[in-house]
mmCIF file of all heavy atoms, coordinates in Angstrom:
data_MODEL
# 
_entry.id   MODEL 
# 
loop_
_atom_site.group_PDB 
_atom_site.id 
_atom_site.type_symbol 
_atom_site.label_atom_id 
_atom_site.label_alt_id 
_atom_site.label_comp_id 
_atom_site.label_asym_id 
_atom_site.label_entity_id 
_atom_site.label_seq_id 
_atom_site.pdbx_PDB_ins_code 
_atom_site.Cartn_x 
_atom_site.Cartn_y 
_atom_site.Cartn_z 
_atom_site.occupancy 
_atom_site.B_iso_or_equiv 
_atom_site.pdbx_formal_charge 
_atom_site.auth_seq_id 
_atom_site.auth_comp_id 
_atom_site.auth_asym_id 
_atom_site.auth_atom_id 
_atom_site.pdbx_PDB_model_num 
ATOM 1   N N   . PHE A 1 1  ? 6.659   -16.198 1.456   1.00 0.00 ? 1  PHE A N   1 
ATOM 2   C CA  . PHE A 1 1  ? 6.856   -14.776 1.751   1.00 0.00 ? 1  PHE A CA  1 
ATOM 3   C C   . PHE A 1 1  ? 5.744   -13.916 1.097   1.00 0.00 ? 1  PHE A C   1 
ATOM 4   O O   . PHE A 1 1  ? 5.300   -13.044 1.700   1.00 0.00 ? 1  PHE A O   1 
ATOM 5   C CB  . PHE A 1 1  ? 8.242   -14.346 1.308   1.00 0.00 ? 1  PHE A CB  1 
ATOM 6   C CG  . PHE A 1 1  ? 8.697   -13.069 1.894   1.00 0.00 ? 1  PHE A CG  1 
ATOM 7   C CD1 . PHE A 1 1  ? 9.260   -12.961 3.201   1.00 0.00 ? 1  PHE A CD1 1 
ATOM 8   C CD2 . PHE A 1 1  ? 8.588   -11.969 1.215   1.00 0.00 ? 1  PHE A CD2 1 
ATOM 9   C CE1 . PHE A 1 1  ? 9.720   -11.810 3.775   1.00 0.00 ? 1  PHE A CE1 1 
ATOM 10  C CE2 . PHE A 1 1  ? 9.113   -10.668 1.758   1.00 0.00 ? 1  PHE A CE2 1 
ATOM 11  C CZ  . PHE A 1 1  ? 9.652   -10.676 2.947   1.00 0.00 ? 1  PHE A CZ  1 
ATOM 12  N N   . GLN A 1 2  ? 5.535   -14.219 -0.160  1.00 0.00 ? 2  GLN A N   1 
ATOM 13  C CA  . GLN A 1 2  ? 4.428   -13.501 -0.900  1.00 0.00 ? 2  GLN A CA  1 
ATOM 14  C C   . GLN A 1 2  ? 3.047   -13.679 -0.109  1.00 0.00 ? 2  GLN A C   1 
ATOM 15  O O   . GLN A 1 2  ? 2.298   -12.779 -0.029  1.00 0.00 ? 2  GLN A O   1 
ATOM 16  C CB  . GLN A 1 2  ? 4.355   -13.958 -2.322  1.00 0.00 ? 2  GLN A CB  1 
ATOM 17  C CG  . GLN A 1 2  ? 5.526   -13.703 -3.235  1.00 0.00 ? 2  GLN A CG  1 
ATOM 18  C CD  . GLN A 1 2  ? 5.823   -12.157 -3.163  1.00 0.00 ? 2  GLN A CD  1 
ATOM 19  O OE1 . GLN A 1 2  ? 4.993   -11.381 -3.503  1.00 0.00 ? 2  GLN A OE1 1 
ATOM 20  N NE2 . GLN A 1 2  ? 7.048   -11.771 -2.677  1.00 0.00 ? 2  GLN A NE2 1 
ATOM 21  N N   . GLY A 1 3  ? 2.984   -14.769 0.471   1.00 0.00 ? 3  GLY A N   1 
ATOM 22  C CA  . GLY A 1 3  ? 1.688   -15.015 1.271   1.00 0.00 ? 3  GLY A CA  1 
ATOM 23  C C   . GLY A 1 3  ? 1.625   -14.108 2.468   1.00 0.00 ? 3  GLY A C   1 
ATOM 24  O O   . GLY A 1 3  ? 0.608   -13.583 2.868   1.00 0.00 ? 3  GLY A O   1 
ATOM 25  N N   . LEU A 1 4  ? 2.883   -14.007 3.203   1.00 0.00 ? 4  LEU A N   1 
ATOM 26  C CA  . LEU A 1 4  ? 2.888   -13.016 4.318   1.00 0.00 ? 4  LEU A CA  1 
ATOM 27  C C   . LEU A 1 4  ? 2.496   -11.735 3.910   1.00 0.00 ? 4  LEU A C   1 
ATOM 28  O O   . LEU A 1 4  ? 1.977   -10.844 4.627   1.00 0.00 ? 4  LEU A O   1 
ATOM 29  C CB  . LEU A 1 4  ? 4.243   -13.036 4.883   1.00 0.00 ? 4  LEU A CB  1 
ATOM 30  C CG  . LEU A 1 4  ? 4.662   -14.217 5.797   1.00 0.00 ? 4  LEU A CG  1 
ATOM 31  C CD1 . LEU A 1 4  ? 6.221   -14.230 6.098   1.00 0.00 ? 4  LEU A CD1 1 
ATOM 32  C CD2 . LEU A 1 4  ? 3.955   -14.122 7.125   1.00 0.00 ? 4  LEU A CD2 1 
ATOM 33  N N   . LEU A 1 5  ? 2.910   -11.313 2.687   1.00 0.00 ? 5  LEU A N   1 
ATOM 34  C CA  . LEU A 1 5  ? 2.570   -9.927  2.148   1.00 0.00 ? 5  LEU A CA  1 
ATOM 35  C C   . LEU A 1 5  ? 1.117   -9.766  1.692   1.00 0.00 ? 5  LEU A C   1 
ATOM 36  O O   . LEU A 1 5  ? 0.714   -8.801  1.120   1.00 0.00 ? 5  LEU A O   1 
ATOM 37  C CB  . LEU A 1 5  ? 3.481   -9.550  0.996   1.00 0.00 ? 5  LEU A CB  1 
ATOM 38  C CG  . LEU A 1 5  ? 5.011   -9.439  1.462   1.00 0.00 ? 5  LEU A CG  1 
ATOM 39  C CD1 . LEU A 1 5  ? 5.782   -9.300  0.192   1.00 0.00 ? 5  LEU A CD1 1 
ATOM 40  C CD2 . LEU A 1 5  ? 5.244   -8.521  2.477   1.00 0.00 ? 5  LEU A CD2 1 
ATOM 41  N N   . GLY A 1 6  ? 0.314   -10.842 1.863   1.00 0.00 ? 6  GLY A N   1 
ATOM 42  C CA  . GLY A 1 6  ? -1.062  -10.834 1.404   1.00 0.00 ? 6  GLY A CA  1 
ATOM 43  C C   . GLY A 1 6  ? -1.177  -11.051 -0.132  1.00 0.00 ? 6  GLY A C   1 
ATOM 44  O O   . GLY A 1 6  ? -2.183  -10.727 -0.730  1.00 0.00 ? 6  GLY A O   1 
ATOM 45  N N   . GLY A 1 7  ? -0.128  -11.627 -0.702  1.00 0.00 ? 7  GLY A N   1 
ATOM 46  C CA  . GLY A 1 7  ? -0.070  -11.858 -2.131  1.00 0.00 ? 7  GLY A CA  1 
ATOM 47  C C   . GLY A 1 7  ? 0.214   -10.591 -2.962  1.00 0.00 ? 7  GLY A C   1 
ATOM 48  O O   . GLY A 1 7  ? 0.281   -10.707 -4.249  1.00 0.00 ? 7  GLY A O   1 
ATOM 49  N N   . ALA A 1 8  ? 0.518   -9.466  -2.299  1.00 0.00 ? 8  ALA A N   1 
ATOM 50  C CA  . ALA A 1 8  ? 0.743   -8.265  -3.087  1.00 0.00 ? 8  ALA A CA  1 
ATOM 51  C C   . ALA A 1 8  ? 2.207   -8.147  -3.446  1.00 0.00 ? 8  ALA A C   1 
ATOM 52  O O   . ALA A 1 8  ? 3.083   -8.637  -2.743  1.00 0.00 ? 8  ALA A O   1 
ATOM 53  C CB  . ALA A 1 8  ? 0.259   -7.073  -2.213  1.00 0.00 ? 8  ALA A CB  1 
ATOM 54  N N   . ALA A 1 9  ? 2.503   -7.425  -4.449  1.00 0.00 ? 9  ALA A N   1 
ATOM 55  C CA  . ALA A 1 9  ? 3.837   -7.295  -4.966  1.00 0.00 ? 9  ALA A CA  1 
ATOM 56  C C   . ALA A 1 9  ? 3.975   -5.837  -5.546  1.00 0.00 ? 9  ALA A C   1 
ATOM 57  O O   . ALA A 1 9  ? 3.167   -5.339  -6.257  1.00 0.00 ? 9  ALA A O   1 
ATOM 58  C CB  . ALA A 1 9  ? 4.362   -8.328  -5.937  1.00 0.00 ? 9  ALA A CB  1 
ATOM 59  N N   . PHE A 1 10 ? 5.176   -5.278  -5.309  1.00 0.00 ? 10 PHE A N   1 
ATOM 60  C CA  . PHE A 1 10 ? 5.540   -4.043  -5.965  1.00 0.00 ? 10 PHE A CA  1 
ATOM 61  C C   . PHE A 1 10 ? 5.654   -4.147  -7.501  1.00 0.00 ? 10 PHE A C   1 
ATOM 62  O O   . PHE A 1 10 ? 6.217   -5.024  -7.938  1.00 0.00 ? 10 PHE A O   1 
ATOM 63  C CB  . PHE A 1 10 ? 6.849   -3.490  -5.393  1.00 0.00 ? 10 PHE A CB  1 
ATOM 64  C CG  . PHE A 1 10 ? 7.431   -2.292  -6.043  1.00 0.00 ? 10 PHE A CG  1 
ATOM 65  C CD1 . PHE A 1 10 ? 6.951   -1.169  -5.829  1.00 0.00 ? 10 PHE A CD1 1 
ATOM 66  C CD2 . PHE A 1 10 ? 8.582   -2.525  -6.920  1.00 0.00 ? 10 PHE A CD2 1 
ATOM 67  C CE1 . PHE A 1 10 ? 7.527   -0.009  -6.611  1.00 0.00 ? 10 PHE A CE1 1 
ATOM 68  C CE2 . PHE A 1 10 ? 9.037   -1.636  -7.693  1.00 0.00 ? 10 PHE A CE2 1 
ATOM 69  C CZ  . PHE A 1 10 ? 8.625   -0.233  -7.529  1.00 0.00 ? 10 PHE A CZ  1 
ATOM 70  N N   . TYR A 1 11 ? 4.943   -3.214  -8.201  1.00 0.00 ? 11 TYR A N   1 
ATOM 71  C CA  . TYR A 1 11 ? 5.074   -3.106  -9.560  1.00 0.00 ? 11 TYR A CA  1 
ATOM 72  C C   . TYR A 1 11 ? 6.059   -1.822  -9.895  1.00 0.00 ? 11 TYR A C   1 
ATOM 73  O O   . TYR A 1 11 ? 6.953   -1.995  -10.567 1.00 0.00 ? 11 TYR A O   1 
ATOM 74  C CB  . TYR A 1 11 ? 3.741   -3.079  -10.245 1.00 0.00 ? 11 TYR A CB  1 
ATOM 75  C CG  . TYR A 1 11 ? 3.879   -3.102  -11.788 1.00 0.00 ? 11 TYR A CG  1 
ATOM 76  C CD1 . TYR A 1 11 ? 4.023   -4.267  -12.503 1.00 0.00 ? 11 TYR A CD1 1 
ATOM 77  C CD2 . TYR A 1 11 ? 3.954   -1.884  -12.564 1.00 0.00 ? 11 TYR A CD2 1 
ATOM 78  C CE1 . TYR A 1 11 ? 4.226   -4.283  -13.859 1.00 0.00 ? 11 TYR A CE1 1 
ATOM 79  C CE2 . TYR A 1 11 ? 4.096   -1.828  -13.928 1.00 0.00 ? 11 TYR A CE2 1 
ATOM 80  C CZ  . TYR A 1 11 ? 4.180   -3.095  -14.571 1.00 0.00 ? 11 TYR A CZ  1 
ATOM 81  O OH  . TYR A 1 11 ? 4.241   -3.014  -15.945 1.00 0.00 ? 11 TYR A OH  1 
ATOM 82  N N   . ASP A 1 12 ? 5.410   -0.655  -9.537  1.00 0.00 ? 12 ASP A N   1 
ATOM 83  C CA  . ASP A 1 12 ? 6.283   0.575   -9.805  1.00 0.00 ? 12 ASP A CA  1 
ATOM 84  C C   . ASP A 1 12 ? 5.591   1.639   -8.972  1.00 0.00 ? 12 ASP A C   1 
ATOM 85  O O   . ASP A 1 12 ? 4.727   1.378   -8.109  1.00 0.00 ? 12 ASP A O   1 
ATOM 86  C CB  . ASP A 1 12 ? 6.279   0.912   -11.224 1.00 0.00 ? 12 ASP A CB  1 
ATOM 87  C CG  . ASP A 1 12 ? 5.041   1.405   -11.847 1.00 0.00 ? 12 ASP A CG  1 
ATOM 88  O OD1 . ASP A 1 12 ? 4.000   1.498   -11.110 1.00 0.00 ? 12 ASP A OD1 1 
ATOM 89  O OD2 . ASP A 1 12 ? 4.952   1.782   -13.155 1.00 0.00 ? 12 ASP A OD2 1 
ATOM 90  N N   . HIS A 1 13 ? 6.119   2.866   -9.026  1.00 0.00 ? 13 HIS A N   1 
ATOM 91  C CA  . HIS A 1 13 ? 5.556   3.995   -8.434  1.00 0.00 ? 13 HIS A CA  1 
ATOM 92  C C   . HIS A 1 13 ? 6.012   5.250   -9.195  1.00 0.00 ? 13 HIS A C   1 
ATOM 93  O O   . HIS A 1 13 ? 6.890   5.213   -10.029 1.00 0.00 ? 13 HIS A O   1 
ATOM 94  C CB  . HIS A 1 13 ? 6.104   4.145   -6.937  1.00 0.00 ? 13 HIS A CB  1 
ATOM 95  C CG  . HIS A 1 13 ? 7.642   4.317   -6.888  1.00 0.00 ? 13 HIS A CG  1 
ATOM 96  N ND1 . HIS A 1 13 ? 8.226   5.567   -7.169  1.00 0.00 ? 13 HIS A ND1 1 
ATOM 97  C CD2 . HIS A 1 13 ? 8.658   3.418   -6.574  1.00 0.00 ? 13 HIS A CD2 1 
ATOM 98  C CE1 . HIS A 1 13 ? 9.591   5.360   -6.933  1.00 0.00 ? 13 HIS A CE1 1 
ATOM 99  N NE2 . HIS A 1 13 ? 9.792   3.982   -6.730  1.00 0.00 ? 13 HIS A NE2 1 
ATOM 100 N N   . GLY A 1 14 ? 5.208   6.302   -9.011  1.00 0.00 ? 14 GLY A N   1 
ATOM 101 C CA  . GLY A 1 14 ? 5.628   7.621   -9.600  1.00 0.00 ? 14 GLY A CA  1 
ATOM 102 C C   . GLY A 1 14 ? 6.442   8.336   -8.583  1.00 0.00 ? 14 GLY A C   1 
ATOM 103 O O   . GLY A 1 14 ? 7.101   7.893   -7.683  1.00 0.00 ? 14 GLY A O   1 
ATOM 104 N N   . PRO A 1 15 ? 6.624   9.601   -8.798  1.00 0.00 ? 15 PRO A N   1 
ATOM 105 C CA  . PRO A 1 15 ? 7.583   10.495  -8.039  1.00 0.00 ? 15 PRO A CA  1 
ATOM 106 C C   . PRO A 1 15 ? 6.854   10.524  -6.566  1.00 0.00 ? 15 PRO A C   1 
ATOM 107 O O   . PRO A 1 15 ? 5.686   10.370  -6.392  1.00 0.00 ? 15 PRO A O   1 
ATOM 108 C CB  . PRO A 1 15 ? 7.499   11.883  -8.644  1.00 0.00 ? 15 PRO A CB  1 
ATOM 109 C CG  . PRO A 1 15 ? 6.219   11.873  -9.456  1.00 0.00 ? 15 PRO A CG  1 
ATOM 110 C CD  . PRO A 1 15 ? 5.998   10.475  -9.856  1.00 0.00 ? 15 PRO A CD  1 
ATOM 111 N N   . SER A 1 16 ? 7.640   10.809  -5.565  1.00 0.00 ? 16 SER A N   1 
ATOM 112 C CA  . SER A 1 16 ? 7.217   10.932  -4.276  1.00 0.00 ? 16 SER A CA  1 
ATOM 113 C C   . SER A 1 16 ? 6.362   12.280  -4.354  1.00 0.00 ? 16 SER A C   1 
ATOM 114 O O   . SER A 1 16 ? 6.642   13.292  -4.872  1.00 0.00 ? 16 SER A O   1 
ATOM 115 C CB  . SER A 1 16 ? 8.441   11.143  -3.281  1.00 0.00 ? 16 SER A CB  1 
ATOM 116 O OG  . SER A 1 16 ? 7.896   11.170  -1.980  1.00 0.00 ? 16 SER A OG  1 
ATOM 117 N N   . ARG A 1 17 ? 5.083   12.086  -3.803  1.00 0.00 ? 17 ARG A N   1 
ATOM 118 C CA  . ARG A 1 17 ? 4.160   13.160  -3.879  1.00 0.00 ? 17 ARG A CA  1 
ATOM 119 C C   . ARG A 1 17 ? 3.157   13.139  -2.659  1.00 0.00 ? 17 ARG A C   1 
ATOM 120 O O   . ARG A 1 17 ? 2.990   12.058  -2.079  1.00 0.00 ? 17 ARG A O   1 
ATOM 121 C CB  . ARG A 1 17 ? 3.467   13.223  -5.104  1.00 0.00 ? 17 ARG A CB  1 
ATOM 122 C CG  . ARG A 1 17 ? 2.621   11.933  -5.462  1.00 0.00 ? 17 ARG A CG  1 
ATOM 123 C CD  . ARG A 1 17 ? 2.523   11.744  -6.902  1.00 0.00 ? 17 ARG A CD  1 
ATOM 124 N NE  . ARG A 1 17 ? 1.768   10.535  -7.282  1.00 0.00 ? 17 ARG A NE  1 
ATOM 125 C CZ  . ARG A 1 17 ? 2.151   9.280   -7.397  1.00 0.00 ? 17 ARG A CZ  1 
ATOM 126 N NH1 . ARG A 1 17 ? 3.496   9.018   -7.016  1.00 0.00 ? 17 ARG A NH1 1 
ATOM 127 N NH2 . ARG A 1 17 ? 1.529   8.319   -7.766  1.00 0.00 ? 17 ARG A NH2 1 
ATOM 128 N N   . ASN A 1 18 ? 2.420   14.316  -2.472  1.00 0.00 ? 18 ASN A N   1 
ATOM 129 C CA  . ASN A 1 18 ? 1.354   14.259  -1.490  1.00 0.00 ? 18 ASN A CA  1 
ATOM 130 C C   . ASN A 1 18 ? 0.182   13.465  -1.960  1.00 0.00 ? 18 ASN A C   1 
ATOM 131 O O   . ASN A 1 18 ? -0.227  13.506  -3.179  1.00 0.00 ? 18 ASN A O   1 
ATOM 132 C CB  . ASN A 1 18 ? 1.009   15.703  -1.192  1.00 0.00 ? 18 ASN A CB  1 
ATOM 133 C CG  . ASN A 1 18 ? 1.938   16.371  -0.258  1.00 0.00 ? 18 ASN A CG  1 
ATOM 134 O OD1 . ASN A 1 18 ? 2.445   15.889  0.625   1.00 0.00 ? 18 ASN A OD1 1 
ATOM 135 N ND2 . ASN A 1 18 ? 2.265   17.724  -0.600  1.00 0.00 ? 18 ASN A ND2 1 
ATOM 136 N N   . GLY A 1 19 ? -0.419  12.869  -1.009  1.00 0.00 ? 19 GLY A N   1 
ATOM 137 C CA  . GLY A 1 19 ? -1.722  12.163  -1.230  1.00 0.00 ? 19 GLY A CA  1 
ATOM 138 C C   . GLY A 1 19 ? -2.378  12.199  0.028   1.00 0.00 ? 19 GLY A C   1 
ATOM 139 O O   . GLY A 1 19 ? -1.831  12.232  1.174   1.00 0.00 ? 19 GLY A O   1 
ATOM 140 N N   . VAL A 1 20 ? -3.774  11.972  0.044   1.00 0.00 ? 20 VAL A N   1 
ATOM 141 C CA  . VAL A 1 20 ? -4.621  11.900  1.235   1.00 0.00 ? 20 VAL A CA  1 
ATOM 142 C C   . VAL A 1 20 ? -4.769  10.455  1.547   1.00 0.00 ? 20 VAL A C   1 
ATOM 143 O O   . VAL A 1 20 ? -5.365  9.712   0.804   1.00 0.00 ? 20 VAL A O   1 
ATOM 144 C CB  . VAL A 1 20 ? -5.875  12.656  1.072   1.00 0.00 ? 20 VAL A CB  1 
ATOM 145 C CG1 . VAL A 1 20 ? -6.789  12.405  2.368   1.00 0.00 ? 20 VAL A CG1 1 
ATOM 146 C CG2 . VAL A 1 20 ? -5.646  14.154  0.940   1.00 0.00 ? 20 VAL A CG2 1 
ATOM 147 N N   . VAL A 1 21 ? -4.300  10.073  2.759   1.00 0.00 ? 21 VAL A N   1 
ATOM 148 C CA  . VAL A 1 21 ? -4.424  8.695   3.295   1.00 0.00 ? 21 VAL A CA  1 
ATOM 149 C C   . VAL A 1 21 ? -5.728  8.689   4.150   1.00 0.00 ? 21 VAL A C   1 
ATOM 150 O O   . VAL A 1 21 ? -6.014  9.651   4.876   1.00 0.00 ? 21 VAL A O   1 
ATOM 151 C CB  . VAL A 1 21 ? -3.250  8.216   4.116   1.00 0.00 ? 21 VAL A CB  1 
ATOM 152 C CG1 . VAL A 1 21 ? -3.455  6.870   4.787   1.00 0.00 ? 21 VAL A CG1 1 
ATOM 153 C CG2 . VAL A 1 21 ? -2.054  8.208   3.218   1.00 0.00 ? 21 VAL A CG2 1 
ATOM 154 N N   . GLU A 1 22 ? -6.510  7.623   3.952   1.00 0.00 ? 22 GLU A N   1 
ATOM 155 C CA  . GLU A 1 22 ? -7.832  7.400   4.668   1.00 0.00 ? 22 GLU A CA  1 
ATOM 156 C C   . GLU A 1 22 ? -7.814  6.183   5.403   1.00 0.00 ? 22 GLU A C   1 
ATOM 157 O O   . GLU A 1 22 ? -7.407  5.139   4.919   1.00 0.00 ? 22 GLU A O   1 
ATOM 158 C CB  . GLU A 1 22 ? -8.958  7.562   3.765   1.00 0.00 ? 22 GLU A CB  1 
ATOM 159 C CG  . GLU A 1 22 ? -10.267 7.572   4.404   1.00 0.00 ? 22 GLU A CG  1 
ATOM 160 C CD  . GLU A 1 22 ? -11.407 7.876   3.355   1.00 0.00 ? 22 GLU A CD  1 
ATOM 161 O OE1 . GLU A 1 22 ? -11.229 7.871   2.186   1.00 0.00 ? 22 GLU A OE1 1 
ATOM 162 O OE2 . GLU A 1 22 ? -12.573 7.920   3.829   1.00 0.00 ? 22 GLU A OE2 1 
ATOM 163 N N   . ARG A 1 23 ? -8.185  6.194   6.731   1.00 0.00 ? 23 ARG A N   1 
ATOM 164 C CA  . ARG A 1 23 ? -8.404  5.072   7.469   1.00 0.00 ? 23 ARG A CA  1 
ATOM 165 C C   . ARG A 1 23 ? -9.558  4.253   6.908   1.00 0.00 ? 23 ARG A C   1 
ATOM 166 O O   . ARG A 1 23 ? -10.668 4.806   6.745   1.00 0.00 ? 23 ARG A O   1 
ATOM 167 C CB  . ARG A 1 23 ? -8.619  5.304   8.914   1.00 0.00 ? 23 ARG A CB  1 
ATOM 168 C CG  . ARG A 1 23 ? -7.630  6.072   9.694   1.00 0.00 ? 23 ARG A CG  1 
ATOM 169 C CD  . ARG A 1 23 ? -7.823  6.217   11.074  1.00 0.00 ? 23 ARG A CD  1 
ATOM 170 N NE  . ARG A 1 23 ? -9.037  6.957   11.302  1.00 0.00 ? 23 ARG A NE  1 
ATOM 171 C CZ  . ARG A 1 23 ? -9.923  6.675   12.317  1.00 0.00 ? 23 ARG A CZ  1 
ATOM 172 N NH1 . ARG A 1 23 ? -9.827  5.713   13.132  1.00 0.00 ? 23 ARG A NH1 1 
ATOM 173 N NH2 . ARG A 1 23 ? -11.028 7.505   12.468  1.00 0.00 ? 23 ARG A NH2 1 
ATOM 174 N N   . THR A 1 24 ? -9.414  2.912   6.860   1.00 0.00 ? 24 THR A N   1 
ATOM 175 C CA  . THR A 1 24 ? -10.491 2.114   6.545   1.00 0.00 ? 24 THR A CA  1 
ATOM 176 C C   . THR A 1 24 ? -10.907 1.173   7.683   1.00 0.00 ? 24 THR A C   1 
ATOM 177 O O   . THR A 1 24 ? -11.884 0.326   7.588   1.00 0.00 ? 24 THR A O   1 
ATOM 178 C CB  . THR A 1 24 ? -10.239 1.229   5.331   1.00 0.00 ? 24 THR A CB  1 
ATOM 179 O OG1 . THR A 1 24 ? -9.065  0.448   5.545   1.00 0.00 ? 24 THR A OG1 1 
ATOM 180 C CG2 . THR A 1 24 ? -10.028 2.137   4.080   1.00 0.00 ? 24 THR A CG2 1 
ATOM 181 N N   . SER A 1 25 ? -10.248 1.465   8.856   1.00 0.00 ? 25 SER A N   1 
ATOM 182 C CA  . SER A 1 25 ? -10.601 0.676   10.103  1.00 0.00 ? 25 SER A CA  1 
ATOM 183 C C   . SER A 1 25 ? -10.809 1.758   11.207  1.00 0.00 ? 25 SER A C   1 
ATOM 184 O O   . SER A 1 25 ? -10.184 2.785   11.075  1.00 0.00 ? 25 SER A O   1 
ATOM 185 C CB  . SER A 1 25 ? -9.437  -0.320  10.539  1.00 0.00 ? 25 SER A CB  1 
ATOM 186 O OG  . SER A 1 25 ? -9.551  -0.561  11.811  1.00 0.00 ? 25 SER A OG  1 
ATOM 187 N N   . ARG A 1 26 ? -11.599 1.485   12.060  1.00 0.00 ? 26 ARG A N   1 
ATOM 188 C CA  . ARG A 1 26 ? -11.830 2.388   13.211  1.00 0.00 ? 26 ARG A CA  1 
ATOM 189 C C   . ARG A 1 26 ? -11.111 1.955   14.439  1.00 0.00 ? 26 ARG A C   1 
ATOM 190 O O   . ARG A 1 26 ? -10.765 2.842   15.197  1.00 0.00 ? 26 ARG A O   1 
ATOM 191 C CB  . ARG A 1 26 ? -13.414 2.481   13.486  1.00 0.00 ? 26 ARG A CB  1 
ATOM 192 C CG  . ARG A 1 26 ? -14.172 3.042   12.442  1.00 0.00 ? 26 ARG A CG  1 
ATOM 193 C CD  . ARG A 1 26 ? -15.712 3.139   12.805  1.00 0.00 ? 26 ARG A CD  1 
ATOM 194 N NE  . ARG A 1 26 ? -16.229 1.754   12.948  1.00 0.00 ? 26 ARG A NE  1 
ATOM 195 C CZ  . ARG A 1 26 ? -16.626 1.265   14.176  1.00 0.00 ? 26 ARG A CZ  1 
ATOM 196 N NH1 . ARG A 1 26 ? -16.604 1.957   15.155  1.00 0.00 ? 26 ARG A NH1 1 
ATOM 197 N NH2 . ARG A 1 26 ? -17.218 -0.001  14.177  1.00 0.00 ? 26 ARG A NH2 1 
ATOM 198 N N   . ARG A 1 27 ? -10.756 0.695   14.656  1.00 0.00 ? 27 ARG A N   1 
ATOM 199 C CA  . ARG A 1 27 ? -10.346 0.189   15.945  1.00 0.00 ? 27 ARG A CA  1 
ATOM 200 C C   . ARG A 1 27 ? -8.901  -0.313  15.894  1.00 0.00 ? 27 ARG A C   1 
ATOM 201 O O   . ARG A 1 27 ? -8.339  -0.491  16.990  1.00 0.00 ? 27 ARG A O   1 
ATOM 202 C CB  . ARG A 1 27 ? -11.310 -0.810  16.488  1.00 0.00 ? 27 ARG A CB  1 
ATOM 203 C CG  . ARG A 1 27 ? -12.781 -0.290  16.690  1.00 0.00 ? 27 ARG A CG  1 
ATOM 204 C CD  . ARG A 1 27 ? -13.565 -1.276  17.357  1.00 0.00 ? 27 ARG A CD  1 
ATOM 205 N NE  . ARG A 1 27 ? -13.677 -2.506  16.601  1.00 0.00 ? 27 ARG A NE  1 
ATOM 206 C CZ  . ARG A 1 27 ? -13.713 -3.724  17.047  1.00 0.00 ? 27 ARG A CZ  1 
ATOM 207 N NH1 . ARG A 1 27 ? -13.813 -3.912  18.408  1.00 0.00 ? 27 ARG A NH1 1 
ATOM 208 N NH2 . ARG A 1 27 ? -13.802 -4.842  16.331  1.00 0.00 ? 27 ARG A NH2 1 
# 
């Protein structure tokens, strides 16, 4: 399952807040 997630895992997060999301793919 961790492989399906790309090896990534949740550690923590701060408060819900605004951020600017940027595309790194065009297509």
